[in-house]
Amino acid sequence: MIVNIQISDAVYASLLNGTKRIQGTLALVNPTEGNFNEHQRNWRPQPGTKYMKLPHGRVTVSDENVRMRLCIARDETVDAPRAIVGESIDASNFVEIVTEEEA
């Protein structure tokens, strides 16, 4: 079976350069044609945003909010509750330092 896939010029140029892996989704228009939509996976902090990488996530402090994201795989050998508590303490200390610097 042959399926024709339409991709953007930027994705095509990236494929030719071969500099990185491209992830995305295929949306089939019909059984033999589809569109490729690239996933934007690169996170760049906004100006004025401070962040700290954690072993299983990241904590971010901006003008609008404070955010912490953790993702622990179920098959990791880490004790998840202990990791959550430990990384939460590290995140809390980071937020405290950043807010004191701004005050």
N, C-alpha and C. Protein backbone atom coordinates (compact mmCIF):
# COMPACT_ATOMS: atom_id res chain seq x y z
N MET A 1 0.85 -1.17 0.00
CA MET A 1 0.00 0.00 0.00
C MET A 1 0.89 1.23 0.00
N ILE A 2 0.53 2.21 -0.77
CA ILE A 2 1.26 3.48 -0.84
C ILE A 2 0.37 4.55 -0.23
N VAL A 3 0.96 5.31 0.72
CA VAL A 3 0.25 6.41 1.35
C VAL A 3 1.05 7.68 1.09
N ASN A 4 0.42 8.69 0.54
CA ASN A 4 1.05 9.99 0.31
C ASN A 4 0.86 10.86 1.54
N ILE A 5 1.98 11.41 2.05
CA ILE A 5 1.93 12.23 3.26
C ILE A 5 2.41 13.63 2.92
N GLN A 6 1.63 14.63 3.33
CA GLN A 6 1.99 16.03 3.10
C GLN A 6 2.64 16.56 4.37
N ILE A 7 3.84 17.19 4.22
CA ILE A 7 4.55 17.78 5.35
C ILE A 7 4.89 19.23 5.03
N SER A 8 5.15 20.00 6.08
CA SER A 8 5.48 21.42 5.89
C SER A 8 6.90 21.57 5.36
N ASP A 9 7.21 22.75 4.84
CA ASP A 9 8.55 23.03 4.33
C ASP A 9 9.60 22.95 5.44
N ALA A 10 9.25 23.42 6.64
CA ALA A 10 10.20 23.39 7.76
C ALA A 10 10.55 21.95 8.16
N VAL A 11 9.55 21.09 8.19
CA VAL A 11 9.79 19.69 8.52
C VAL A 11 10.63 19.03 7.43
N TYR A 12 10.34 19.34 6.19
CA TYR A 12 11.10 18.78 5.08
C TYR A 12 12.57 19.21 5.16
N ALA A 13 12.81 20.48 5.43
CA ALA A 13 14.18 20.97 5.55
C ALA A 13 14.90 20.28 6.71
N SER A 14 14.20 20.08 7.81
CA SER A 14 14.77 19.40 8.96
C SER A 14 15.10 17.95 8.63
N LEU A 15 14.25 17.30 7.84
CA LEU A 15 14.53 15.93 7.41
C LEU A 15 15.78 15.87 6.54
N LEU A 16 15.94 16.85 5.65
CA LEU A 16 17.11 16.87 4.78
C LEU A 16 18.39 17.13 5.57
N ASN A 17 18.31 17.99 6.58
CA ASN A 17 19.48 18.28 7.41
C ASN A 17 19.86 17.07 8.26
N GLY A 18 18.87 16.32 8.67
CA GLY A 18 19.11 15.14 9.50
C GLY A 18 19.67 15.46 10.86
N THR A 19 19.36 16.65 11.40
CA THR A 19 19.93 17.07 12.67
C THR A 19 19.19 16.52 13.88
N LYS A 20 17.92 16.19 13.72
CA LYS A 20 17.17 15.71 14.88
C LYS A 20 16.05 14.79 14.43
N ARG A 21 15.52 14.08 15.37
CA ARG A 21 14.37 13.23 15.13
C ARG A 21 13.12 14.10 15.14
N ILE A 22 12.20 13.81 14.27
CA ILE A 22 10.98 14.60 14.18
C ILE A 22 9.82 13.73 14.64
N GLN A 23 9.09 14.22 15.63
CA GLN A 23 7.93 13.50 16.14
C GLN A 23 6.68 14.27 15.78
N GLY A 24 5.60 13.55 15.55
CA GLY A 24 4.34 14.19 15.22
C GLY A 24 3.23 13.18 15.05
N THR A 25 2.16 13.63 14.47
CA THR A 25 1.00 12.78 14.25
C THR A 25 0.63 12.79 12.77
N LEU A 26 0.06 11.70 12.35
CA LEU A 26 -0.46 11.59 10.99
C LEU A 26 -1.97 11.68 11.05
N ALA A 27 -2.52 12.56 10.25
CA ALA A 27 -3.98 12.68 10.13
C ALA A 27 -4.35 12.23 8.72
N LEU A 28 -5.01 11.10 8.64
CA LEU A 28 -5.38 10.59 7.33
C LEU A 28 -6.60 11.31 6.79
N VAL A 29 -6.48 11.80 5.57
CA VAL A 29 -7.58 12.45 4.88
C VAL A 29 -8.48 11.39 4.25
N ASN A 30 -7.83 10.38 3.69
CA ASN A 30 -8.52 9.20 3.16
C ASN A 30 -7.54 8.03 3.28
N PRO A 31 -7.88 6.84 2.89
CA PRO A 31 -6.97 5.71 3.12
C PRO A 31 -5.60 5.80 2.45
N THR A 32 -5.42 6.68 1.49
CA THR A 32 -4.12 6.77 0.81
C THR A 32 -3.45 8.13 0.92
N GLU A 33 -4.03 9.09 1.64
CA GLU A 33 -3.46 10.42 1.78
C GLU A 33 -3.56 10.89 3.22
N GLY A 34 -2.52 11.62 3.66
CA GLY A 34 -2.55 12.13 5.02
C GLY A 34 -1.68 13.35 5.18
N ASN A 35 -1.79 13.99 6.34
CA ASN A 35 -1.01 15.17 6.69
C ASN A 35 -0.19 14.84 7.93
N PHE A 36 1.06 15.33 7.96
CA PHE A 36 1.93 15.15 9.12
C PHE A 36 1.98 16.46 9.88
N ASN A 37 1.72 16.41 11.19
CA ASN A 37 1.78 17.59 12.05
C ASN A 37 2.85 17.35 13.10
N GLU A 38 3.88 18.19 13.08
CA GLU A 38 5.01 18.04 14.01
C GLU A 38 4.60 18.44 15.41
N HIS A 39 5.07 17.70 16.41
CA HIS A 39 4.87 18.08 17.81
C HIS A 39 5.97 19.05 18.21
N GLN A 40 5.61 20.09 18.88
CA GLN A 40 6.60 21.03 19.39
C GLN A 40 7.01 20.55 20.78
N ARG A 41 8.21 20.03 20.89
CA ARG A 41 8.66 19.45 22.15
C ARG A 41 9.73 20.29 22.83
N ASN A 42 10.18 21.33 22.20
CA ASN A 42 11.23 22.15 22.80
C ASN A 42 10.60 23.21 23.69
N TRP A 43 10.98 23.23 24.97
CA TRP A 43 10.45 24.20 25.91
C TRP A 43 11.49 25.30 26.08
N ARG A 44 11.05 26.52 25.90
CA ARG A 44 11.93 27.66 26.12
C ARG A 44 11.26 28.57 27.14
N PRO A 45 11.98 28.95 28.19
CA PRO A 45 11.36 29.81 29.20
C PRO A 45 11.10 31.21 28.65
N GLN A 46 10.02 31.80 29.10
CA GLN A 46 9.70 33.17 28.74
C GLN A 46 10.66 34.11 29.46
N PRO A 47 10.90 35.31 28.94
CA PRO A 47 11.76 36.27 29.64
C PRO A 47 11.23 36.55 31.04
N GLY A 48 12.11 36.57 32.02
CA GLY A 48 11.72 36.80 33.40
C GLY A 48 11.34 35.54 34.14
N THR A 49 11.33 34.40 33.48
CA THR A 49 10.98 33.13 34.10
C THR A 49 12.24 32.43 34.57
N LYS A 50 12.19 31.92 35.78
CA LYS A 50 13.31 31.15 36.32
C LYS A 50 12.84 29.72 36.53
N TYR A 51 13.74 28.77 36.28
CA TYR A 51 13.35 27.38 36.44
C TYR A 51 14.53 26.55 36.94
N MET A 52 14.19 25.40 37.48
CA MET A 52 15.19 24.45 37.94
C MET A 52 14.76 23.07 37.49
N LYS A 53 15.69 22.33 36.91
CA LYS A 53 15.39 20.96 36.51
C LYS A 53 15.49 20.06 37.74
N LEU A 54 14.53 19.17 37.84
CA LEU A 54 14.51 18.17 38.90
C LEU A 54 14.80 16.81 38.28
N PRO A 55 15.16 15.82 39.08
CA PRO A 55 15.42 14.49 38.52
C PRO A 55 14.24 13.92 37.71
N HIS A 56 13.02 14.28 38.10
CA HIS A 56 11.85 13.75 37.40
C HIS A 56 10.94 14.85 36.87
N GLY A 57 11.44 16.06 36.71
CA GLY A 57 10.58 17.13 36.21
C GLY A 57 11.25 18.48 36.26
N ARG A 58 10.44 19.51 36.54
CA ARG A 58 10.94 20.88 36.51
C ARG A 58 10.02 21.74 37.38
N VAL A 59 10.61 22.75 38.02
CA VAL A 59 9.84 23.77 38.74
C VAL A 59 10.11 25.10 38.04
N THR A 60 9.04 25.88 37.82
CA THR A 60 9.12 27.13 37.08
C THR A 60 8.47 28.24 37.89
N VAL A 61 9.15 29.38 37.97
CA VAL A 61 8.61 30.56 38.66
C VAL A 61 8.56 31.69 37.66
N SER A 62 7.35 32.19 37.40
CA SER A 62 7.19 33.32 36.50
C SER A 62 6.44 34.43 37.22
N ASP A 63 6.17 35.52 36.51
CA ASP A 63 5.43 36.63 37.11
C ASP A 63 3.99 36.22 37.42
N GLU A 64 3.43 35.31 36.64
CA GLU A 64 2.03 34.93 36.79
C GLU A 64 1.80 33.77 37.74
N ASN A 65 2.73 32.78 37.76
CA ASN A 65 2.46 31.59 38.57
C ASN A 65 3.73 30.84 38.92
N VAL A 66 3.55 29.85 39.79
CA VAL A 66 4.60 28.91 40.16
C VAL A 66 4.09 27.54 39.74
N ARG A 67 4.93 26.78 39.03
CA ARG A 67 4.48 25.50 38.50
C ARG A 67 5.54 24.44 38.78
N MET A 68 5.08 23.24 39.15
CA MET A 68 5.98 22.11 39.32
C MET A 68 5.39 20.94 38.56
N ARG A 69 6.24 20.29 37.76
CA ARG A 69 5.80 19.13 37.00
C ARG A 69 6.73 17.98 37.33
N LEU A 70 6.14 16.84 37.69
CA LEU A 70 6.90 15.62 37.95
C LEU A 70 6.30 14.50 37.13
N CYS A 71 7.15 13.62 36.65
CA CYS A 71 6.69 12.45 35.91
C CYS A 71 7.63 11.30 36.25
N ILE A 72 7.15 10.36 37.03
CA ILE A 72 7.95 9.21 37.44
C ILE A 72 7.36 7.97 36.78
N ALA A 73 8.18 7.30 35.99
CA ALA A 73 7.71 6.09 35.30
C ALA A 73 7.40 5.00 36.33
N ARG A 74 6.36 4.24 36.07
CA ARG A 74 5.95 3.20 37.02
C ARG A 74 6.98 2.09 37.13
N ASP A 75 7.78 1.89 36.09
CA ASP A 75 8.76 0.80 36.12
C ASP A 75 10.13 1.23 36.65
N GLU A 76 10.27 2.48 37.13
CA GLU A 76 11.53 2.92 37.72
C GLU A 76 11.72 2.25 39.08
N THR A 77 12.99 2.09 39.45
CA THR A 77 13.29 1.45 40.73
C THR A 77 13.20 2.44 41.89
N VAL A 78 12.84 3.67 41.59
CA VAL A 78 12.74 4.72 42.60
C VAL A 78 11.45 4.54 43.41
N ASP A 79 11.54 4.82 44.71
CA ASP A 79 10.35 4.82 45.56
C ASP A 79 9.60 6.12 45.26
N ALA A 80 8.50 6.03 44.53
CA ALA A 80 7.79 7.21 44.02
C ALA A 80 7.36 8.18 45.12
N PRO A 81 6.72 7.73 46.21
CA PRO A 81 6.32 8.70 47.24
C PRO A 81 7.51 9.46 47.83
N ARG A 82 8.62 8.76 48.04
CA ARG A 82 9.80 9.42 48.58
C ARG A 82 10.37 10.42 47.57
N ALA A 83 10.38 10.07 46.30
CA ALA A 83 10.88 10.96 45.26
C ALA A 83 10.02 12.21 45.18
N ILE A 84 8.71 12.05 45.28
CA ILE A 84 7.80 13.20 45.22
C ILE A 84 8.06 14.15 46.37
N VAL A 85 8.18 13.61 47.57
CA VAL A 85 8.42 14.45 48.74
C VAL A 85 9.78 15.15 48.63
N GLY A 86 10.81 14.41 48.26
CA GLY A 86 12.15 14.99 48.15
C GLY A 86 12.24 16.08 47.10
N GLU A 87 11.66 15.82 45.94
CA GLU A 87 11.72 16.82 44.88
C GLU A 87 10.82 18.01 45.19
N SER A 88 9.75 17.79 45.93
CA SER A 88 8.88 18.90 46.35
C SER A 88 9.62 19.82 47.32
N ILE A 89 10.42 19.24 48.20
CA ILE A 89 11.21 20.06 49.13
C ILE A 89 12.24 20.88 48.35
N ASP A 90 12.93 20.24 47.38
CA ASP A 90 13.90 20.96 46.56
C ASP A 90 13.22 22.10 45.79
N ALA A 91 12.03 21.83 45.24
CA ALA A 91 11.28 22.84 44.50
C ALA A 91 10.87 23.99 45.42
N SER A 92 10.42 23.65 46.61
CA SER A 92 10.00 24.66 47.57
C SER A 92 11.17 25.58 47.94
N ASN A 93 12.34 25.00 48.16
CA ASN A 93 13.53 25.81 48.48
C ASN A 93 13.88 26.72 47.32
N PHE A 94 13.79 26.23 46.10
CA PHE A 94 14.08 27.04 44.91
C PHE A 94 13.10 28.21 44.81
N VAL A 95 11.82 27.94 44.99
CA VAL A 95 10.81 29.00 44.92
C VAL A 95 11.06 30.05 45.99
N GLU A 96 11.42 29.61 47.19
CA GLU A 96 11.70 30.54 48.28
C GLU A 96 12.89 31.44 47.94
N ILE A 97 13.94 30.87 47.38
CA ILE A 97 15.12 31.65 47.01
C ILE A 97 14.78 32.66 45.91
N VAL A 98 14.04 32.23 44.90
CA VAL A 98 13.70 33.12 43.79
C VAL A 98 12.80 34.26 44.27
N THR A 99 11.83 33.98 45.10
CA THR A 99 10.92 35.03 45.56
C THR A 99 11.64 36.00 46.50
N GLU A 100 12.62 35.52 47.27
CA GLU A 100 13.38 36.43 48.12
C GLU A 100 14.28 37.34 47.28
N GLU A 101 14.84 36.82 46.18
CA GLU A 101 15.67 37.64 45.29
C GLU A 101 14.85 38.75 44.65
N GLU A 102 13.60 38.46 44.32
CA GLU A 102 12.76 39.44 43.66
C GLU A 102 12.22 40.50 44.60
N ALA A 103 12.18 40.20 45.89
CA ALA A 103 11.63 41.14 46.87
C ALA A 103 12.60 42.21 47.26
